[in-house]
Amino acid sequence: MRASPLPAVPAVLLVDDDPPLRQAVQWALEDEGLRVEVAADGREALTRAALTRPALVVLDFGLPDRDGAALAAALRQACGALLPVLLVTGDGHARQKAAAAGAFAYLHKPFDMDRLVELVRGKLGEQPGG
């Protein structure tokens, strides 16, 4: 008797240049049973995305090497136009930045970790196979 294959654990790509925040978000999402790939900048994010084909991206808008909207567009070009992006930002105009990046939601830093997990889980649950 063959065992049925285990369902694939969705990969979340976390892109943030703040190491302590990146670690905290990674741990929170991994505690939810998600596979988390991390990147500190846009170049690394594109490399990781090509390797893992993430189901969702948590994206810091203010990266040192790339504008968040441009990176979101590049990630969608690499992974598919429907790739959901959750935008996080520490400066003003979060709503406008989220709209520019085509994000399904945004959080302003500092944010509630439970809210971030809720948004990620909710969006992954809407996707086929999620």
Protein backbone atom coordinates (compact mmCIF):
# COMPACT_ATOMS: atom_id res chain seq x y z
CA MET A 1 0.00 0.00 0.00
CA ARG A 2 1.43 3.36 -1.03
CA ALA A 3 1.23 6.31 1.27
CA SER A 4 -0.32 9.37 -0.30
CA PRO A 5 2.13 12.22 -0.75
CA LEU A 6 2.13 14.87 1.89
CA PRO A 7 0.72 18.20 0.77
CA ALA A 8 3.41 20.71 -0.12
CA VAL A 9 4.05 23.30 2.53
CA PRO A 10 3.68 26.73 0.95
CA ALA A 11 6.83 28.82 0.83
CA VAL A 12 6.67 32.39 2.03
CA LEU A 13 9.42 34.73 0.85
CA LEU A 14 10.28 37.27 3.54
CA VAL A 15 12.22 40.28 2.28
CA ASP A 16 13.46 42.74 4.92
CA ASP A 17 16.82 44.36 5.60
CA ASP A 18 16.32 44.46 9.41
CA PRO A 19 17.86 41.23 10.79
CA PRO A 20 16.03 41.16 14.17
CA LEU A 21 12.65 41.83 12.55
CA ARG A 22 13.35 39.33 9.78
CA GLN A 23 14.16 36.65 12.38
CA ALA A 24 11.05 37.39 14.45
CA VAL A 25 8.75 37.21 11.41
CA GLN A 26 10.47 34.04 10.19
CA TRP A 27 9.96 32.34 13.55
CA ALA A 28 6.32 33.44 13.77
CA LEU A 29 5.53 32.05 10.31
CA GLU A 30 7.49 28.85 10.88
CA ASP A 31 5.53 28.35 14.12
CA GLU A 32 2.46 28.28 11.85
CA GLY A 33 3.97 25.41 9.87
CA LEU A 34 5.02 27.51 6.90
CA ARG A 35 8.30 27.23 5.05
CA VAL A 36 10.03 30.62 5.08
CA GLU A 37 12.75 31.77 2.73
CA VAL A 38 14.49 34.99 3.74
CA ALA A 39 16.22 37.72 1.78
CA ALA A 40 17.85 40.93 2.98
CA ASP A 41 17.63 42.84 -0.30
CA GLY A 42 16.05 42.84 -3.74
CA ARG A 43 18.79 40.92 -5.50
CA GLU A 44 18.67 38.10 -2.96
CA ALA A 45 14.85 38.11 -3.09
CA LEU A 46 14.85 37.54 -6.85
CA THR A 47 17.37 34.71 -6.51
CA ARG A 48 15.37 33.01 -3.73
CA ALA A 49 12.11 33.48 -5.62
CA ALA A 50 13.53 31.79 -8.71
CA LEU A 51 14.59 28.80 -6.62
CA THR A 52 11.53 28.40 -4.38
CA ARG A 53 8.57 29.83 -6.33
CA PRO A 54 6.94 31.31 -3.21
CA ALA A 55 3.20 31.24 -2.64
CA LEU A 56 3.33 34.68 -0.98
CA VAL A 57 5.82 37.49 -0.34
CA VAL A 58 6.14 39.62 2.80
CA LEU A 59 7.98 42.65 1.46
CA ASP A 60 9.62 45.58 3.21
CA PHE A 61 9.03 48.57 0.94
CA GLY A 62 12.19 50.40 2.04
CA LEU A 63 15.04 48.17 0.92
CA PRO A 64 18.52 49.63 0.41
CA ASP A 65 18.95 48.42 -3.17
CA ARG A 66 15.49 48.59 -4.71
CA ASP A 67 12.13 50.31 -4.53
CA GLY A 68 9.41 48.03 -3.13
CA ALA A 69 7.02 48.57 -6.04
CA ALA A 70 9.74 47.74 -8.58
CA LEU A 71 10.73 44.62 -6.65
CA ALA A 72 7.11 43.47 -6.36
CA ALA A 73 6.77 43.83 -10.14
CA ALA A 74 10.01 41.91 -10.75
CA LEU A 75 8.91 39.13 -8.39
CA ARG A 76 5.58 38.83 -10.19
CA GLN A 77 7.35 38.70 -13.53
CA ALA A 78 9.54 35.86 -12.21
CA CYS A 79 6.85 33.92 -10.30
CA GLY A 80 3.55 34.79 -11.92
CA ALA A 81 1.29 37.80 -12.09
CA LEU A 82 -0.94 36.60 -9.25
CA LEU A 83 1.84 36.35 -6.63
CA PRO A 84 0.35 37.92 -3.47
CA VAL A 85 2.44 40.56 -1.72
CA LEU A 86 1.99 41.75 1.87
CA LEU A 87 3.76 45.08 2.19
CA VAL A 88 5.37 46.31 5.39
CA THR A 89 6.79 49.78 5.75
CA GLY A 90 8.26 51.91 8.47
CA ASP A 91 7.63 55.29 6.93
CA GLY A 92 4.59 57.21 5.83
CA HIS A 93 2.11 56.73 3.00
CA ALA A 94 1.71 52.97 3.53
CA ARG A 95 -1.61 52.85 1.68
CA GLN A 96 -0.19 54.56 -1.41
CA LYS A 97 2.92 52.36 -1.37
CA ALA A 98 0.79 49.22 -1.06
CA ALA A 99 -1.29 50.33 -4.03
CA ALA A 100 1.85 51.04 -6.07
CA ALA A 101 3.19 47.56 -5.26
CA GLY A 102 -0.15 45.87 -5.96
CA ALA A 103 -0.16 44.48 -2.42
CA PHE A 104 -3.22 42.67 -1.07
CA ALA A 105 -2.59 44.28 2.35
CA TYR A 106 -0.07 46.38 4.23
CA LEU A 107 1.22 46.78 7.77
CA HIS A 108 2.94 49.80 9.23
CA LYS A 109 6.03 49.10 11.34
CA PRO A 110 5.98 48.39 14.19
CA PHE A 111 3.16 45.93 13.55
CA ASP A 112 1.35 43.28 15.51
CA MET A 113 2.91 39.88 14.71
CA ASP A 114 -0.40 38.10 15.19
CA ARG A 115 -1.95 40.38 12.56
CA LEU A 116 0.83 39.57 10.09
CA VAL A 117 0.32 35.83 10.65
CA GLU A 118 -3.45 36.28 10.27
CA LEU A 119 -3.03 38.10 6.94
CA VAL A 120 -0.58 35.51 5.58
CA ARG A 121 -2.70 32.55 6.71
CA GLY A 122 -5.86 34.14 5.36
CA LYS A 123 -4.36 34.82 1.95
CA LEU A 124 -2.76 31.38 1.65
CA GLY A 125 -6.11 29.84 2.60
CA GLU A 126 -7.76 31.59 -0.36
CA GLN A 127 -5.35 30.05 -2.87
CA PRO A 128 -5.93 26.71 -4.57
CA GLY A 129 -4.29 24.01 -2.49
CA GLY A 130 -3.96 26.42 0.45
